[in-house]
All heavy atoms as atom14 arrays in JSON, in Angstrom:
{
  "sequence": "PKYASSATILFADFKNFSLLAERVEPAALVGTLDQYFTAFDEIIAR",
  "atom14_mask": [
    [1, 1, 1, 1, 1, 1, 1, 0, 0, 0, 0, 0, 0, 0],
    [1, 1, 1, 1, 1, 1, 1, 1, 1, 0, 0, 0, 0, 0],
    [1, 1, 1, 1, 1, 1, 1, 1, 1, 1, 1, 1, 0, 0],
    [1, 1, 1, 1, 1, 0, 0, 0, 0, 0, 0, 0, 0, 0],
    [1, 1, 1, 1, 1, 1, 0, 0, 0, 0, 0, 0, 0, 0],
    [1, 1, 1, 1, 1, 1, 0, 0, 0, 0, 0, 0, 0, 0],
    [1, 1, 1, 1, 1, 0, 0, 0, 0, 0, 0, 0, 0, 0],
    [1, 1, 1, 1, 1, 1, 1, 0, 0, 0, 0, 0, 0, 0],
    [1, 1, 1, 1, 1, 1, 1, 1, 0, 0, 0, 0, 0, 0],
    [1, 1, 1, 1, 1, 1, 1, 1, 0, 0, 0, 0, 0, 0],
    [1, 1, 1, 1, 1, 1, 1, 1, 1, 1, 1, 0, 0, 0],
    [1, 1, 1, 1, 1, 0, 0, 0, 0, 0, 0, 0, 0, 0],
    [1, 1, 1, 1, 1, 1, 1, 1, 0, 0, 0, 0, 0, 0],
    [1, 1, 1, 1, 1, 1, 1, 1, 1, 1, 1, 0, 0, 0],
    [1, 1, 1, 1, 1, 1, 1, 1, 1, 0, 0, 0, 0, 0],
    [1, 1, 1, 1, 1, 1, 1, 1, 0, 0, 0, 0, 0, 0],
    [1, 1, 1, 1, 1, 1, 1, 1, 1, 1, 1, 0, 0, 0],
    [1, 1, 1, 1, 1, 1, 0, 0, 0, 0, 0, 0, 0, 0],
    [1, 1, 1, 1, 1, 1, 1, 1, 0, 0, 0, 0, 0, 0],
    [1, 1, 1, 1, 1, 1, 1, 1, 0, 0, 0, 0, 0, 0],
    [1, 1, 1, 1, 1, 0, 0, 0, 0, 0, 0, 0, 0, 0],
    [1, 1, 1, 1, 1, 1, 1, 1, 1, 0, 0, 0, 0, 0],
    [1, 1, 1, 1, 1, 1, 1, 1, 1, 1, 1, 0, 0, 0],
    [1, 1, 1, 1, 1, 1, 1, 0, 0, 0, 0, 0, 0, 0],
    [1, 1, 1, 1, 1, 1, 1, 1, 1, 0, 0, 0, 0, 0],
    [1, 1, 1, 1, 1, 1, 1, 0, 0, 0, 0, 0, 0, 0],
    [1, 1, 1, 1, 1, 0, 0, 0, 0, 0, 0, 0, 0, 0],
    [1, 1, 1, 1, 1, 0, 0, 0, 0, 0, 0, 0, 0, 0],
    [1, 1, 1, 1, 1, 1, 1, 1, 0, 0, 0, 0, 0, 0],
    [1, 1, 1, 1, 1, 1, 1, 0, 0, 0, 0, 0, 0, 0],
    [1, 1, 1, 1, 0, 0, 0, 0, 0, 0, 0, 0, 0, 0],
    [1, 1, 1, 1, 1, 1, 1, 0, 0, 0, 0, 0, 0, 0],
    [1, 1, 1, 1, 1, 1, 1, 1, 0, 0, 0, 0, 0, 0],
    [1, 1, 1, 1, 1, 1, 1, 1, 0, 0, 0, 0, 0, 0],
    [1, 1, 1, 1, 1, 1, 1, 1, 1, 0, 0, 0, 0, 0],
    [1, 1, 1, 1, 1, 1, 1, 1, 1, 1, 1, 1, 0, 0],
    [1, 1, 1, 1, 1, 1, 1, 1, 1, 1, 1, 0, 0, 0],
    [1, 1, 1, 1, 1, 1, 1, 0, 0, 0, 0, 0, 0, 0],
    [1, 1, 1, 1, 1, 0, 0, 0, 0, 0, 0, 0, 0, 0],
    [1, 1, 1, 1, 1, 1, 1, 1, 1, 1, 1, 0, 0, 0],
    [1, 1, 1, 1, 1, 1, 1, 1, 0, 0, 0, 0, 0, 0],
    [1, 1, 1, 1, 1, 1, 1, 1, 1, 0, 0, 0, 0, 0],
    [1, 1, 1, 1, 1, 1, 1, 1, 0, 0, 0, 0, 0, 0],
    [1, 1, 1, 1, 1, 1, 1, 1, 0, 0, 0, 0, 0, 0],
    [1, 1, 1, 1, 1, 0, 0, 0, 0, 0, 0, 0, 0, 0],
    [1, 1, 1, 1, 1, 1, 1, 1, 1, 1, 1, 0, 0, 0]
  ],
  "atom14_positions": [
    [[51.61, 98.94, -125.18], [52.5, 97.82, -124.85], [53.94, 98.17, -125.23], [54.19, 98.88, -126.22], [51.96, 96.67, -125.71], [50.57, 97.07, -126.05], [50.56, 98.57, -126.13], [0.0, 0.0, 0.0], [0.0, 0.0, 0.0], [0.0, 0.0, 0.0], [0.0, 0.0, 0.0], [0.0, 0.0, 0.0], [0.0, 0.0, 0.0], [0.0, 0.0, 0.0]],
    [[54.88, 97.68, -124.44], [56.29, 97.98, -124.68], [57.11, 96.68, -124.72], [56.87, 95.77, -123.92], [56.84, 98.92, -123.6], [56.22, 100.31, -123.63], [56.79, 101.2, -122.54], [56.22, 102.61, -122.62], [54.76, 102.62, -122.45], [0.0, 0.0, 0.0], [0.0, 0.0, 0.0], [0.0, 0.0, 0.0], [0.0, 0.0, 0.0], [0.0, 0.0, 0.0]],
    [[58.05, 96.67, -125.63], [58.94, 95.52, -125.77], [60.27, 95.84, -125.12], [60.87, 96.89, -125.37], [59.14, 95.19, -127.25], [60.18, 94.13, -127.49], [59.89, 92.79, -127.27], [61.45, 94.47, -127.95], [60.85, 91.81, -127.5], [62.42, 93.5, -128.18], [62.11, 92.17, -127.95], [63.05, 91.21, -128.17], [0.0, 0.0, 0.0], [0.0, 0.0, 0.0]],
    [[60.71, 94.95, -124.25], [62.03, 95.1, -123.62], [62.9, 93.95, -124.11], [62.55, 92.77, -123.94], [61.91, 95.06, -122.1], [0.0, 0.0, 0.0], [0.0, 0.0, 0.0], [0.0, 0.0, 0.0], [0.0, 0.0, 0.0], [0.0, 0.0, 0.0], [0.0, 0.0, 0.0], [0.0, 0.0, 0.0], [0.0, 0.0, 0.0], [0.0, 0.0, 0.0]],
    [[64.01, 94.28, -124.73], [64.87, 93.24, -125.3], [65.54, 92.38, -124.24], [65.96, 91.26, -124.52], [65.94, 93.88, -126.19], [66.74, 94.79, -125.44], [0.0, 0.0, 0.0], [0.0, 0.0, 0.0], [0.0, 0.0, 0.0], [0.0, 0.0, 0.0], [0.0, 0.0, 0.0], [0.0, 0.0, 0.0], [0.0, 0.0, 0.0], [0.0, 0.0, 0.0]],
    [[65.62, 92.92, -123.01], [66.24, 92.14, -121.95], [65.68, 92.58, -120.59], [65.67, 93.77, -120.28], [67.76, 92.3, -121.97], [68.37, 91.51, -120.97], [0.0, 0.0, 0.0], [0.0, 0.0, 0.0], [0.0, 0.0, 0.0], [0.0, 0.0, 0.0], [0.0, 0.0, 0.0], [0.0, 0.0, 0.0], [0.0, 0.0, 0.0], [0.0, 0.0, 0.0]],
    [[65.23, 91.63, -119.83], [64.75, 91.87, -118.47], [64.97, 90.59, -117.68], [65.1, 89.51, -118.26], [63.27, 92.26, -118.46], [0.0, 0.0, 0.0], [0.0, 0.0, 0.0], [0.0, 0.0, 0.0], [0.0, 0.0, 0.0], [0.0, 0.0, 0.0], [0.0, 0.0, 0.0], [0.0, 0.0, 0.0], [0.0, 0.0, 0.0], [0.0, 0.0, 0.0]],
    [[65.01, 90.71, -116.36], [65.22, 89.53, -115.53], [63.98, 89.31, -114.67], [63.57, 90.21, -113.92], [66.46, 89.68, -114.63], [67.61, 89.9, -115.45], [66.66, 88.43, -113.78], [0.0, 0.0, 0.0], [0.0, 0.0, 0.0], [0.0, 0.0, 0.0], [0.0, 0.0, 0.0], [0.0, 0.0, 0.0], [0.0, 0.0, 0.0], [0.0, 0.0, 0.0]],
    [[63.41, 88.12, -114.8], [62.16, 87.79, -114.08], [62.51, 86.96, -112.87], [63.33, 86.02, -112.93], [61.2, 87.02, -114.99], [60.87, 87.84, -116.25], [59.91, 86.69, -114.26], [61.64, 87.43, -117.48], [0.0, 0.0, 0.0], [0.0, 0.0, 0.0], [0.0, 0.0, 0.0], [0.0, 0.0, 0.0], [0.0, 0.0, 0.0], [0.0, 0.0, 0.0]],
    [[61.86, 87.28, -111.75], [62.01, 86.54, -110.5], [60.68, 85.89, -110.16], [59.67, 86.58, -110.06], [62.48, 87.46, -109.38], [62.72, 86.88, -107.99], [63.77, 87.7, -107.24], [61.46, 86.79, -107.13], [0.0, 0.0, 0.0], [0.0, 0.0, 0.0], [0.0, 0.0, 0.0], [0.0, 0.0, 0.0], [0.0, 0.0, 0.0], [0.0, 0.0, 0.0]],
    [[60.69, 84.57, -110.01], [59.52, 83.83, -109.55], [59.84, 83.22, -108.19], [60.95, 82.7, -107.97], [59.17, 82.7, -110.52], [58.06, 83.03, -111.46], [58.32, 83.3, -112.79], [56.75, 83.05, -111.01], [57.29, 83.61, -113.67], [55.71, 83.35, -111.88], [55.98, 83.63, -113.22], [0.0, 0.0, 0.0], [0.0, 0.0, 0.0], [0.0, 0.0, 0.0]],
    [[58.9, 83.28, -107.27], [59.06, 82.65, -105.96], [57.78, 81.93, -105.61], [56.68, 82.42, -105.86], [59.4, 83.69, -104.9], [0.0, 0.0, 0.0], [0.0, 0.0, 0.0], [0.0, 0.0, 0.0], [0.0, 0.0, 0.0], [0.0, 0.0, 0.0], [0.0, 0.0, 0.0], [0.0, 0.0, 0.0], [0.0, 0.0, 0.0], [0.0, 0.0, 0.0]],
    [[57.93, 80.74, -105.01], [56.75, 79.93, -104.68], [57.05, 79.15, -103.4], [58.17, 78.64, -103.21], [56.43, 78.98, -105.83], [55.06, 78.32, -105.67], [54.23, 78.89, -104.95], [54.86, 77.26, -106.26], [0.0, 0.0, 0.0], [0.0, 0.0, 0.0], [0.0, 0.0, 0.0], [0.0, 0.0, 0.0], [0.0, 0.0, 0.0], [0.0, 0.0, 0.0]],
    [[56.06, 79.04, -102.53], [56.26, 78.33, -101.27], [56.07, 76.83, -101.46], [55.17, 76.38, -102.17], [55.26, 78.84, -100.22], [55.55, 80.24, -99.75], [54.77, 81.3, -100.18], [56.6, 80.49, -98.89], [55.02, 82.59, -99.75], [56.87, 81.78, -98.46], [56.09, 82.83, -98.89], [0.0, 0.0, 0.0], [0.0, 0.0, 0.0], [0.0, 0.0, 0.0]],
    [[56.91, 76.06, -100.76], [56.82, 74.6, -100.81], [55.7, 74.15, -99.88], [55.57, 74.62, -98.75], [58.15, 73.98, -100.38], [58.12, 72.46, -100.27], [59.38, 71.93, -99.62], [59.3, 70.42, -99.41], [60.47, 69.89, -98.67], [0.0, 0.0, 0.0], [0.0, 0.0, 0.0], [0.0, 0.0, 0.0], [0.0, 0.0, 0.0], [0.0, 0.0, 0.0]],
    [[54.88, 73.19, -100.36], [53.82, 72.55, -99.56], [52.84, 73.56, -98.96], [52.32, 73.34, -97.85], [54.44, 71.7, -98.45], [55.26, 70.53, -99.01], [54.95, 70.0, -100.08], [56.3, 70.16, -98.27], [0.0, 0.0, 0.0], [0.0, 0.0, 0.0], [0.0, 0.0, 0.0], [0.0, 0.0, 0.0], [0.0, 0.0, 0.0], [0.0, 0.0, 0.0]],
    [[52.6, 74.65, -99.66], [51.66, 75.65, -99.12], [50.24, 75.1, -99.07], [49.48, 75.4, -98.15], [51.7, 76.91, -99.99], [50.82, 78.01, -99.47], [51.25, 78.83, -98.44], [49.55, 78.22, -100.0], [50.43, 79.84, -97.95], [48.73, 79.22, -99.52], [49.18, 80.03, -98.49], [0.0, 0.0, 0.0], [0.0, 0.0, 0.0], [0.0, 0.0, 0.0]],
    [[49.88, 74.28, -100.03], [48.52, 73.71, -100.06], [48.26, 72.86, -98.82], [47.16, 72.87, -98.26], [48.32, 72.88, -101.32], [48.45, 73.69, -102.47], [0.0, 0.0, 0.0], [0.0, 0.0, 0.0], [0.0, 0.0, 0.0], [0.0, 0.0, 0.0], [0.0, 0.0, 0.0], [0.0, 0.0, 0.0], [0.0, 0.0, 0.0], [0.0, 0.0, 0.0]],
    [[49.29, 72.1, -98.38], [49.12, 71.28, -97.17], [48.93, 72.18, -95.95], [48.12, 71.89, -95.06], [50.34, 70.37, -96.99], [50.53, 69.28, -98.05], [51.81, 68.51, -97.79], [49.33, 68.34, -98.07], [0.0, 0.0, 0.0], [0.0, 0.0, 0.0], [0.0, 0.0, 0.0], [0.0, 0.0, 0.0], [0.0, 0.0, 0.0], [0.0, 0.0, 0.0]],
    [[49.7, 73.28, -95.9], [49.56, 74.21, -94.78], [48.17, 74.84, -94.79], [47.55, 75.02, -93.73], [50.63, 75.31, -94.88], [50.58, 76.37, -93.78], [50.92, 75.76, -92.43], [51.55, 77.52, -94.1], [0.0, 0.0, 0.0], [0.0, 0.0, 0.0], [0.0, 0.0, 0.0], [0.0, 0.0, 0.0], [0.0, 0.0, 0.0], [0.0, 0.0, 0.0]],
    [[47.64, 75.16, -95.99], [46.32, 75.79, -96.09], [45.22, 74.88, -95.55], [44.2, 75.35, -95.06], [46.03, 76.16, -97.55], [0.0, 0.0, 0.0], [0.0, 0.0, 0.0], [0.0, 0.0, 0.0], [0.0, 0.0, 0.0], [0.0, 0.0, 0.0], [0.0, 0.0, 0.0], [0.0, 0.0, 0.0], [0.0, 0.0, 0.0], [0.0, 0.0, 0.0]],
    [[45.44, 73.57, -95.63], [44.43, 72.63, -95.13], [44.43, 72.54, -93.6], [43.43, 72.16, -92.99], [44.69, 71.24, -95.72], [44.49, 71.17, -97.23], [44.89, 69.83, -97.8], [45.32, 68.96, -97.0], [44.78, 69.64, -99.03], [0.0, 0.0, 0.0], [0.0, 0.0, 0.0], [0.0, 0.0, 0.0], [0.0, 0.0, 0.0], [0.0, 0.0, 0.0]],
    [[45.59, 72.91, -92.96], [45.7, 72.74, -91.51], [45.55, 74.04, -90.73], [45.36, 73.99, -89.52], [47.06, 72.13, -91.18], [47.33, 70.78, -91.82], [48.49, 70.08, -91.14], [49.69, 70.9, -91.11], [50.65, 70.84, -92.01], [50.54, 69.99, -93.02], [51.72, 71.6, -91.92], [0.0, 0.0, 0.0], [0.0, 0.0, 0.0], [0.0, 0.0, 0.0]],
    [[45.64, 75.17, -91.39], [45.66, 76.47, -90.7], [44.36, 77.21, -91.01], [43.86, 77.17, -92.14], [46.87, 77.3, -91.16], [46.86, 78.68, -90.49], [48.16, 76.59, -90.82], [0.0, 0.0, 0.0], [0.0, 0.0, 0.0], [0.0, 0.0, 0.0], [0.0, 0.0, 0.0], [0.0, 0.0, 0.0], [0.0, 0.0, 0.0], [0.0, 0.0, 0.0]],
    [[43.83, 77.9, -90.0], [42.6, 78.65, -90.21], [42.85, 79.8, -91.19], [43.99, 80.3, -91.31], [42.07, 79.21, -88.89], [42.99, 80.19, -88.2], [42.39, 80.7, -86.91], [41.41, 80.12, -86.42], [42.91, 81.71, -86.4], [0.0, 0.0, 0.0], [0.0, 0.0, 0.0], [0.0, 0.0, 0.0], [0.0, 0.0, 0.0], [0.0, 0.0, 0.0]],
    [[41.82, 80.24, -91.92], [42.01, 81.23, -92.99], [42.7, 82.51, -92.56], [43.6, 83.01, -93.25], [40.58, 81.49, -93.47], [39.83, 80.25, -93.14], [40.43, 79.74, -91.87], [0.0, 0.0, 0.0], [0.0, 0.0, 0.0], [0.0, 0.0, 0.0], [0.0, 0.0, 0.0], [0.0, 0.0, 0.0], [0.0, 0.0, 0.0], [0.0, 0.0, 0.0]],
    [[42.3, 83.08, -91.41], [42.88, 84.35, -90.98], [44.38, 84.21, -90.73], [45.18, 85.07, -91.11], [42.18, 84.85, -89.72], [0.0, 0.0, 0.0], [0.0, 0.0, 0.0], [0.0, 0.0, 0.0], [0.0, 0.0, 0.0], [0.0, 0.0, 0.0], [0.0, 0.0, 0.0], [0.0, 0.0, 0.0], [0.0, 0.0, 0.0], [0.0, 0.0, 0.0]],
    [[44.76, 83.11, -90.09], [46.18, 82.88, -89.82], [46.95, 82.65, -91.11], [48.09, 83.1, -91.26], [46.34, 81.68, -88.88], [0.0, 0.0, 0.0], [0.0, 0.0, 0.0], [0.0, 0.0, 0.0], [0.0, 0.0, 0.0], [0.0, 0.0, 0.0], [0.0, 0.0, 0.0], [0.0, 0.0, 0.0], [0.0, 0.0, 0.0], [0.0, 0.0, 0.0]],
    [[46.32, 81.96, -92.05], [46.98, 81.7, -93.34], [47.25, 83.0, -94.09], [48.36, 83.23, -94.58], [46.1, 80.78, -94.18], [46.7, 80.32, -95.51], [47.84, 79.36, -95.27], [45.62, 79.67, -96.38], [0.0, 0.0, 0.0], [0.0, 0.0, 0.0], [0.0, 0.0, 0.0], [0.0, 0.0, 0.0], [0.0, 0.0, 0.0], [0.0, 0.0, 0.0]],
    [[46.23, 83.86, -94.17], [46.4, 85.14, -94.85], [47.43, 86.0, -94.12], [48.25, 86.68, -94.73], [45.05, 85.87, -94.95], [45.24, 87.28, -95.5], [44.09, 85.09, -95.83], [0.0, 0.0, 0.0], [0.0, 0.0, 0.0], [0.0, 0.0, 0.0], [0.0, 0.0, 0.0], [0.0, 0.0, 0.0], [0.0, 0.0, 0.0], [0.0, 0.0, 0.0]],
    [[47.41, 85.95, -92.78], [48.39, 86.71, -92.0], [49.81, 86.26, -92.28], [50.73, 87.07, -92.37], [0.0, 0.0, 0.0], [0.0, 0.0, 0.0], [0.0, 0.0, 0.0], [0.0, 0.0, 0.0], [0.0, 0.0, 0.0], [0.0, 0.0, 0.0], [0.0, 0.0, 0.0], [0.0, 0.0, 0.0], [0.0, 0.0, 0.0], [0.0, 0.0, 0.0]],
    [[50.0, 84.94, -92.43], [51.33, 84.4, -92.73], [51.8, 84.88, -94.1], [52.94, 85.34, -94.26], [51.28, 82.86, -92.69], [50.89, 82.43, -91.4], [52.65, 82.27, -93.03], [0.0, 0.0, 0.0], [0.0, 0.0, 0.0], [0.0, 0.0, 0.0], [0.0, 0.0, 0.0], [0.0, 0.0, 0.0], [0.0, 0.0, 0.0], [0.0, 0.0, 0.0]],
    [[50.93, 84.76, -95.1], [51.29, 85.23, -96.44], [51.61, 86.72, -96.43], [52.56, 87.16, -97.08], [50.15, 84.94, -97.42], [50.12, 83.58, -98.12], [48.95, 83.52, -99.08], [51.43, 83.32, -98.85], [0.0, 0.0, 0.0], [0.0, 0.0, 0.0], [0.0, 0.0, 0.0], [0.0, 0.0, 0.0], [0.0, 0.0, 0.0], [0.0, 0.0, 0.0]],
    [[50.79, 87.47, -95.71], [51.0, 88.92, -95.66], [52.36, 89.25, -95.04], [53.05, 90.17, -95.5], [49.88, 89.58, -94.86], [50.02, 91.09, -94.8], [49.89, 91.73, -95.87], [50.28, 91.63, -93.71], [0.0, 0.0, 0.0], [0.0, 0.0, 0.0], [0.0, 0.0, 0.0], [0.0, 0.0, 0.0], [0.0, 0.0, 0.0], [0.0, 0.0, 0.0]],
    [[52.75, 88.53, -94.0], [54.04, 88.77, -93.38], [55.18, 88.57, -94.38], [56.1, 89.4, -94.48], [54.23, 87.85, -92.18], [55.56, 88.08, -91.44], [55.76, 87.09, -90.31], [55.08, 86.06, -90.22], [56.7, 87.4, -89.43], [0.0, 0.0, 0.0], [0.0, 0.0, 0.0], [0.0, 0.0, 0.0], [0.0, 0.0, 0.0], [0.0, 0.0, 0.0]],
    [[55.13, 87.47, -95.11], [56.18, 87.19, -96.09], [56.13, 88.17, -97.27], [57.15, 88.75, -97.65], [56.06, 85.75, -96.6], [56.55, 84.7, -95.62], [55.66, 83.87, -94.97], [57.9, 84.54, -95.36], [56.1, 82.9, -94.07], [58.36, 83.57, -94.47], [57.46, 82.76, -93.83], [57.9, 81.81, -92.94], [0.0, 0.0, 0.0], [0.0, 0.0, 0.0]],
    [[54.96, 88.34, -97.85], [54.86, 89.16, -99.05], [55.15, 90.64, -98.77], [55.69, 91.33, -99.63], [53.48, 89.01, -99.68], [53.29, 87.72, -100.43], [52.04, 87.33, -100.9], [54.36, 86.88, -100.67], [51.86, 86.15, -101.6], [54.2, 85.69, -101.37], [52.95, 85.32, -101.83], [0.0, 0.0, 0.0], [0.0, 0.0, 0.0], [0.0, 0.0, 0.0]],
    [[54.79, 91.12, -97.59], [55.13, 92.5, -97.23], [56.64, 92.67, -97.18], [57.19, 93.68, -97.67], [54.51, 92.87, -95.87], [53.09, 92.79, -95.97], [54.89, 94.29, -95.47], [0.0, 0.0, 0.0], [0.0, 0.0, 0.0], [0.0, 0.0, 0.0], [0.0, 0.0, 0.0], [0.0, 0.0, 0.0], [0.0, 0.0, 0.0], [0.0, 0.0, 0.0]],
    [[57.33, 91.69, -96.61], [58.8, 91.74, -96.58], [59.37, 91.68, -98.0], [60.32, 92.41, -98.33], [59.33, 90.58, -95.74], [0.0, 0.0, 0.0], [0.0, 0.0, 0.0], [0.0, 0.0, 0.0], [0.0, 0.0, 0.0], [0.0, 0.0, 0.0], [0.0, 0.0, 0.0], [0.0, 0.0, 0.0], [0.0, 0.0, 0.0], [0.0, 0.0, 0.0]],
    [[58.78, 90.84, -98.86], [59.24, 90.76, -100.25], [59.06, 92.11, -100.96], [59.93, 92.53, -101.73], [58.48, 89.67, -101.01], [58.71, 88.27, -100.51], [57.99, 87.2, -101.03], [59.64, 88.0, -99.51], [58.18, 85.91, -100.58], [59.84, 86.71, -99.05], [59.1, 85.67, -99.58], [0.0, 0.0, 0.0], [0.0, 0.0, 0.0], [0.0, 0.0, 0.0]],
    [[57.9, 92.74, -100.73], [57.64, 94.03, -101.38], [58.73, 95.06, -101.04], [59.19, 95.81, -101.91], [56.28, 94.59, -100.93], [55.1, 93.83, -101.55], [55.33, 93.06, -102.49], [53.97, 94.03, -101.08], [0.0, 0.0, 0.0], [0.0, 0.0, 0.0], [0.0, 0.0, 0.0], [0.0, 0.0, 0.0], [0.0, 0.0, 0.0], [0.0, 0.0, 0.0]],
    [[59.13, 95.1, -99.77], [60.16, 96.04, -99.36], [61.49, 95.72, -100.03], [62.22, 96.62, -100.47], [60.31, 96.02, -97.83], [59.07, 96.54, -97.1], [59.2, 96.38, -95.6], [60.23, 95.83, -95.14], [58.27, 96.82, -94.89], [0.0, 0.0, 0.0], [0.0, 0.0, 0.0], [0.0, 0.0, 0.0], [0.0, 0.0, 0.0], [0.0, 0.0, 0.0]],
    [[61.82, 94.45, -100.13], [63.08, 94.04, -100.77], [63.06, 94.38, -102.25], [64.03, 94.94, -102.79], [63.29, 92.52, -100.57], [63.54, 92.22, -99.09], [64.46, 92.02, -101.42], [63.48, 90.74, -98.75], [0.0, 0.0, 0.0], [0.0, 0.0, 0.0], [0.0, 0.0, 0.0], [0.0, 0.0, 0.0], [0.0, 0.0, 0.0], [0.0, 0.0, 0.0]],
    [[61.95, 94.08, -102.91], [61.83, 94.34, -104.35], [62.0, 95.83, -104.63], [62.71, 96.25, -105.56], [60.46, 93.83, -104.86], [60.42, 92.3, -104.84], [60.17, 94.35, -106.26], [61.47, 91.63, -105.67], [0.0, 0.0, 0.0], [0.0, 0.0, 0.0], [0.0, 0.0, 0.0], [0.0, 0.0, 0.0], [0.0, 0.0, 0.0], [0.0, 0.0, 0.0]],
    [[61.34, 96.67, -103.83], [61.45, 98.12, -104.03], [62.87, 98.59, -103.75], [63.39, 99.47, -104.46], [60.46, 98.83, -103.11], [0.0, 0.0, 0.0], [0.0, 0.0, 0.0], [0.0, 0.0, 0.0], [0.0, 0.0, 0.0], [0.0, 0.0, 0.0], [0.0, 0.0, 0.0], [0.0, 0.0, 0.0], [0.0, 0.0, 0.0], [0.0, 0.0, 0.0]],
    [[63.5, 98.03, -102.74], [64.86, 98.46, -102.37], [65.87, 98.17, -103.48], [66.82, 98.94, -103.69], [65.27, 97.78, -101.07], [66.59, 98.24, -100.51], [66.76, 97.87, -99.05], [66.69, 96.43, -98.81], [65.73, 95.83, -98.1], [64.75, 96.55, -97.58], [65.74, 94.53, -97.91], [0.0, 0.0, 0.0], [0.0, 0.0, 0.0], [0.0, 0.0, 0.0]]
  ]
}
């Protein structure tokens, strides 16, 4: 384990995602999340 005296944490969360999950079929829901999170991964790495 390592201690860092200073780091910056980024949290992101979708609004009303639970309501969307109730209306959208599972495959489409996972596809939507994958589209967003894949884009986030590229930004985070960049």
